[in-house]
N, C-alpha and C. Protein backbone atom coordinates (compact mmCIF):
# COMPACT_ATOMS: atom_id res chain seq x y z
N UNK A 1 60.14 100.34 153.50
CA UNK A 1 60.72 100.41 152.03
C UNK A 1 61.91 101.04 151.53
N UNK A 2 62.75 100.50 150.48
CA UNK A 2 63.98 100.70 150.15
C UNK A 2 64.01 102.09 149.53
N UNK A 3 65.51 102.37 149.39
CA UNK A 3 65.26 103.98 148.73
C UNK A 3 65.77 103.52 147.01
N UNK A 4 66.50 101.89 147.18
CA UNK A 4 66.20 101.72 146.20
C UNK A 4 65.51 100.44 145.27
N UNK A 5 64.65 100.59 144.45
CA UNK A 5 63.90 100.31 144.17
C UNK A 5 64.35 99.26 142.50
N UNK A 6 63.91 98.16 142.42
CA UNK A 6 64.50 97.03 141.18
C UNK A 6 63.43 97.79 140.11
N UNK A 7 63.91 98.15 139.59
CA UNK A 7 62.99 98.50 138.45
C UNK A 7 62.98 97.54 137.32
N UNK A 8 61.86 97.78 136.65
CA UNK A 8 61.04 96.30 135.83
C UNK A 8 61.22 97.06 134.61
N UNK A 9 61.95 96.62 133.50
CA UNK A 9 62.08 96.40 131.97
C UNK A 9 61.48 95.22 131.45
N UNK A 10 61.13 95.63 130.12
CA UNK A 10 60.22 94.52 129.11
C UNK A 10 61.40 94.06 128.58
N UNK A 11 62.52 94.27 128.22
CA UNK A 11 64.40 93.32 127.69
C UNK A 11 63.73 91.95 127.69
N UNK A 12 64.93 91.14 127.38
CA UNK A 12 64.60 89.97 128.31
C UNK A 12 64.17 88.47 127.59
N UNK A 13 64.19 87.82 127.73
CA UNK A 13 63.51 86.68 127.40
C UNK A 13 63.07 85.59 128.27
N UNK A 14 61.80 86.88 128.78
CA UNK A 14 61.34 85.44 129.46
C UNK A 14 60.22 85.51 128.70
N UNK A 15 59.77 84.10 128.81
CA UNK A 15 58.23 83.68 128.04
C UNK A 15 56.56 84.41 128.44
N UNK A 16 56.30 84.06 127.47
CA UNK A 16 55.34 85.43 127.36
C UNK A 16 54.12 84.29 128.75
N UNK A 17 53.80 85.09 129.04
CA UNK A 17 52.46 85.13 130.28
C UNK A 17 50.66 84.55 129.52
N UNK A 18 50.88 85.56 128.43
CA UNK A 18 50.05 84.86 127.12
C UNK A 18 50.06 84.75 126.58
N UNK A 19 50.03 84.08 125.45
CA UNK A 19 50.71 83.25 124.82
C UNK A 19 49.64 83.77 123.40
N UNK A 20 49.65 83.90 121.89
CA UNK A 20 48.82 84.00 121.03
C UNK A 20 47.84 82.77 121.26
N UNK A 21 48.65 81.88 121.08
CA UNK A 21 47.72 79.87 121.09
C UNK A 21 46.98 79.92 122.70
N UNK A 22 47.08 80.41 123.21
CA UNK A 22 46.59 80.45 124.65
C UNK A 22 44.96 81.07 124.44
N UNK A 23 43.78 80.14 125.15
CA UNK A 23 42.41 81.20 125.35
C UNK A 23 43.36 82.89 126.54
N UNK A 24 42.66 83.96 125.91
CA UNK A 24 42.91 85.15 126.38
C UNK A 24 42.37 84.89 128.56
N UNK A 25 43.27 85.40 129.31
CA UNK A 25 43.19 85.60 130.20
C UNK A 25 42.85 86.82 130.62
N UNK A 26 42.05 86.98 131.23
CA UNK A 26 41.67 88.68 131.98
C UNK A 26 42.43 88.45 133.10
N UNK A 27 43.13 89.76 133.34
CA UNK A 27 44.82 90.11 134.58
C UNK A 27 44.02 91.17 135.03
N UNK A 28 44.33 91.85 136.05
CA UNK A 28 44.22 92.80 137.63
C UNK A 28 45.09 92.93 137.74
N UNK A 29 45.26 93.92 139.09
CA UNK A 29 46.16 93.93 139.63
C UNK A 29 45.93 93.17 141.24
N UNK A 30 46.41 93.00 141.82
CA UNK A 30 46.18 92.58 142.88
C UNK A 30 46.04 92.79 144.38
N UNK A 31 45.28 93.14 144.70
CA UNK A 31 44.33 94.12 146.09
C UNK A 31 45.73 94.50 146.77
N UNK A 32 46.41 93.09 147.02
CA UNK A 32 47.35 94.01 147.87
C UNK A 32 48.25 94.55 147.90
N UNK A 33 48.66 94.73 146.45
CA UNK A 33 49.57 95.93 146.28
C UNK A 33 49.45 96.48 146.92
N UNK A 34 50.62 97.51 147.46
CA UNK A 34 50.97 98.70 147.99
C UNK A 34 51.78 99.29 146.54
N UNK A 35 51.00 100.67 146.43
CA UNK A 35 51.42 101.60 144.86
C UNK A 35 51.55 102.79 146.05
N UNK A 36 52.78 103.65 145.00
CA UNK A 36 52.86 105.28 145.49
C UNK A 36 53.46 105.32 144.11
N UNK A 37 53.28 106.93 143.47
CA UNK A 37 53.47 107.25 142.60
C UNK A 37 54.04 108.69 143.14
N UNK A 38 55.48 108.70 142.26
CA UNK A 38 55.84 110.35 142.07
C UNK A 38 56.66 110.30 141.13
N UNK A 39 57.54 111.33 140.43
CA UNK A 39 57.81 112.04 139.44
C UNK A 39 58.31 111.16 138.82
N UNK A 40 59.09 109.95 139.53
CA UNK A 40 59.95 109.52 138.70
C UNK A 40 58.93 108.02 138.05
N UNK A 41 58.17 107.20 138.41
CA UNK A 41 57.39 106.67 138.25
C UNK A 41 56.50 105.93 139.28
N UNK A 42 55.95 105.16 139.15
CA UNK A 42 55.01 104.30 139.91
C UNK A 42 56.02 103.22 140.77
N UNK A 43 56.18 102.69 142.55
CA UNK A 43 56.65 101.93 142.65
C UNK A 43 55.86 100.79 143.83
N UNK A 44 56.22 99.46 143.30
CA UNK A 44 54.58 98.35 143.75
C UNK A 44 55.82 97.84 144.82
N UNK A 45 54.48 97.78 145.59
CA UNK A 45 55.23 96.43 146.84
C UNK A 45 54.50 95.45 147.14
N UNK A 46 54.86 94.26 146.85
CA UNK A 46 53.91 93.21 146.91
C UNK A 46 53.65 92.17 147.92
N UNK A 47 52.90 91.36 148.65
CA UNK A 47 53.42 90.56 149.68
C UNK A 47 54.33 89.75 149.85
N UNK A 48 54.59 89.05 148.88
CA UNK A 48 55.68 88.74 148.19
C UNK A 48 57.02 89.38 148.33
N UNK A 49 56.95 90.23 148.37
CA UNK A 49 58.59 90.22 148.06
C UNK A 49 59.48 92.02 149.14
N UNK A 50 59.66 91.82 149.96
CA UNK A 50 60.43 93.08 150.64
C UNK A 50 60.73 93.89 150.19
N UNK A 51 61.50 94.04 148.53
CA UNK A 51 61.66 95.26 147.58
C UNK A 51 61.01 95.36 147.14
N UNK A 52 60.98 96.66 146.86
CA UNK A 52 59.01 97.68 145.62
C UNK A 52 59.96 97.02 144.43
N UNK A 53 59.05 97.20 143.67
CA UNK A 53 59.68 97.20 141.94
C UNK A 53 59.61 98.71 140.79
N UNK A 54 60.24 99.73 140.73
CA UNK A 54 59.56 100.63 139.45
C UNK A 54 59.31 100.41 138.38
N UNK A 55 57.88 101.19 138.13
CA UNK A 55 57.70 100.89 137.04
C UNK A 55 57.89 102.66 136.16
N UNK A 56 58.53 102.38 135.15
CA UNK A 56 58.72 103.98 134.48
C UNK A 56 57.96 104.06 133.06
N UNK A 57 57.75 104.85 132.52
CA UNK A 57 57.12 105.20 131.58
C UNK A 57 55.84 104.08 130.75
N UNK A 58 56.14 103.61 130.46
CA UNK A 58 54.87 102.17 129.32
C UNK A 58 54.38 101.47 130.22
N UNK A 59 55.48 100.89 130.98
CA UNK A 59 55.26 100.63 132.09
C UNK A 59 53.88 100.31 133.40
N UNK A 60 54.56 102.45 133.71
CA UNK A 60 53.75 102.64 134.15
C UNK A 60 51.91 103.10 133.75
N UNK A 61 51.83 102.85 132.49
CA UNK A 61 50.69 103.41 132.07
C UNK A 61 50.19 101.96 131.87
N UNK A 62 50.43 100.85 131.39
CA UNK A 62 50.36 99.48 131.75
C UNK A 62 49.12 99.46 133.26
N UNK A 63 50.45 99.66 134.09
CA UNK A 63 49.90 99.81 135.47
C UNK A 63 48.33 99.87 135.62
N UNK A 64 48.34 101.48 135.52
CA UNK A 64 46.78 102.17 134.68
C UNK A 64 46.49 101.78 134.29
N UNK A 65 46.39 101.47 132.78
CA UNK A 65 45.15 100.25 132.57
C UNK A 65 44.87 98.95 132.87
N UNK A 66 45.86 98.60 134.46
CA UNK A 66 45.29 97.34 134.77
C UNK A 66 44.10 97.56 136.14
N UNK A 67 44.04 99.00 135.92
CA UNK A 67 42.69 99.61 137.31
C UNK A 67 41.45 98.11 136.89
N UNK A 68 41.37 98.46 135.64
CA UNK A 68 40.08 97.47 135.19
C UNK A 68 40.59 95.56 134.43
N UNK A 69 39.96 94.79 135.19
CA UNK A 69 40.25 93.76 134.25
C UNK A 69 40.59 94.09 132.96
N UNK A 70 41.79 93.58 132.62
CA UNK A 70 41.57 93.33 130.61
C UNK A 70 42.48 92.28 130.30
N UNK A 71 42.23 91.68 129.46
CA UNK A 71 43.78 90.85 128.67
C UNK A 71 44.50 91.69 127.58
N UNK A 72 45.67 90.97 127.59
CA UNK A 72 47.01 91.45 127.09
C UNK A 72 46.07 91.73 125.28
N UNK A 73 46.20 91.35 125.22
CA UNK A 73 45.61 91.28 123.55
C UNK A 73 44.67 92.75 123.46
N UNK A 74 44.08 93.23 125.14
CA UNK A 74 43.34 94.73 124.37
C UNK A 74 44.74 95.50 124.61
N UNK A 75 45.58 95.10 125.44
CA UNK A 75 46.02 96.00 126.54
C UNK A 75 47.11 96.56 124.89
N UNK A 76 47.65 95.65 124.14
CA UNK A 76 48.12 95.49 123.10
C UNK A 76 47.45 96.27 122.13
N UNK A 77 46.31 96.03 121.46
CA UNK A 77 45.66 96.26 120.49
C UNK A 77 45.48 98.26 121.26
N UNK A 78 44.78 98.40 122.35
CA UNK A 78 44.74 100.04 122.50
C UNK A 78 46.07 100.34 121.95
N UNK A 79 47.85 99.92 122.84
CA UNK A 79 48.74 100.95 123.39
C UNK A 79 48.54 101.14 121.45
N UNK A 80 49.43 100.16 120.86
CA UNK A 80 49.86 99.73 119.32
C UNK A 80 48.45 100.78 119.02
N UNK A 81 47.34 101.15 118.54
CA UNK A 81 46.66 102.02 118.28
C UNK A 81 47.65 103.75 118.50
N UNK A 82 47.36 103.43 119.46
CA UNK A 82 47.45 104.85 120.49
C UNK A 82 48.43 105.48 119.91
N UNK A 83 50.08 104.77 119.93
CA UNK A 83 51.28 105.04 119.84
C UNK A 83 52.12 104.34 118.29
N UNK A 84 50.68 103.58 117.68
CA UNK A 84 51.12 103.51 116.24
C UNK A 84 51.98 102.90 116.17
N UNK A 85 51.77 101.90 116.72
CA UNK A 85 53.21 101.18 116.82
C UNK A 85 52.77 99.79 115.87
N UNK A 86 53.37 98.59 115.05
CA UNK A 86 53.01 97.50 115.13
C UNK A 86 52.07 96.42 116.55
N UNK A 87 51.06 95.77 116.27
CA UNK A 87 50.66 95.07 117.42
C UNK A 87 51.31 93.46 118.16
N UNK A 88 52.05 93.34 116.68
CA UNK A 88 52.64 92.08 117.38
C UNK A 88 53.79 92.69 118.14
N UNK A 89 54.26 93.92 118.18
CA UNK A 89 55.53 94.18 118.63
C UNK A 89 55.59 94.62 120.03
N UNK A 90 54.42 95.10 119.81
CA UNK A 90 53.90 95.58 121.88
C UNK A 90 53.26 94.47 122.37
N UNK A 91 52.28 93.17 121.97
CA UNK A 91 52.42 92.38 122.39
C UNK A 91 53.22 91.64 123.29
N UNK A 92 54.62 91.56 122.69
CA UNK A 92 55.54 90.93 122.95
C UNK A 92 56.45 91.42 124.19
N UNK A 93 56.47 92.53 123.98
CA UNK A 93 56.23 93.49 125.69
C UNK A 93 55.59 93.57 126.00
N UNK A 94 54.73 93.80 125.93
CA UNK A 94 53.48 93.36 127.00
C UNK A 94 53.45 92.02 127.91
N UNK A 95 53.64 91.61 126.90
CA UNK A 95 53.86 89.67 127.85
C UNK A 95 54.79 89.51 128.77
N UNK A 96 55.73 90.10 128.11
CA UNK A 96 57.56 89.86 129.00
C UNK A 96 57.06 90.31 130.60
N UNK A 97 56.31 92.14 129.90
CA UNK A 97 55.94 92.98 131.11
C UNK A 97 54.37 92.02 132.46
N UNK A 98 53.87 91.59 132.15
CA UNK A 98 52.71 90.60 132.24
C UNK A 98 53.55 89.80 133.13
N UNK A 99 53.88 89.27 132.23
CA UNK A 99 55.17 87.07 133.29
C UNK A 99 55.64 87.73 134.36
N UNK A 100 56.25 89.07 134.56
CA UNK A 100 57.09 89.74 135.50
C UNK A 100 56.14 90.08 137.16
N UNK A 101 55.22 90.67 136.55
CA UNK A 101 54.71 91.44 137.19
C UNK A 101 53.61 90.51 138.25
N UNK A 102 53.64 89.28 137.28
CA UNK A 102 52.20 87.70 137.77
C UNK A 102 53.44 86.86 138.81
N UNK A 103 54.80 87.47 138.47
CA UNK A 103 55.72 86.02 138.79
C UNK A 103 55.44 87.18 140.43
N UNK A 104 55.89 88.53 140.61
CA UNK A 104 55.87 89.03 141.66
C UNK A 104 54.86 88.82 142.26
N UNK A 105 53.55 88.70 141.88
CA UNK A 105 52.71 89.00 142.79
C UNK A 105 51.47 90.14 142.89
N UNK A 106 51.66 90.68 141.72
CA UNK A 106 51.53 92.12 141.23
C UNK A 106 50.01 91.80 140.62
N UNK A 107 49.61 90.29 140.11
CA UNK A 107 48.81 91.04 139.36
C UNK A 107 48.02 89.38 139.53
N UNK A 108 45.97 89.32 139.39
CA UNK A 108 45.74 88.02 139.79
C UNK A 108 45.61 88.04 138.36
N UNK A 109 45.23 86.17 137.55
CA UNK A 109 44.80 85.95 135.92
C UNK A 109 43.09 85.73 136.24
N UNK A 110 42.39 85.68 135.95
CA UNK A 110 41.55 85.54 136.27
C UNK A 110 40.74 84.51 135.43
């Protein structure tokens, strides 16, 4: 692992992995992802990448919630309720993060 992991953000124009028009799909952590937690966040090393990813803040929380298979919709509902935010706003950010985690091979879709 390198000392300079690539941070994962939820900003940008990535296409949503799970649109409102599609049937909900369950996502879960890929079993081959190596995980290390420290005070700075959660480091992920996937079989497809040489560089680790750093999940901070809400990204690290979402990773923890992905310990059990769930849908993007359920994540959005739970987090919106927990943080008192509109579900649509939360869903957009979750979709961007999940899309990125799928691209780098950190998630499995059932």
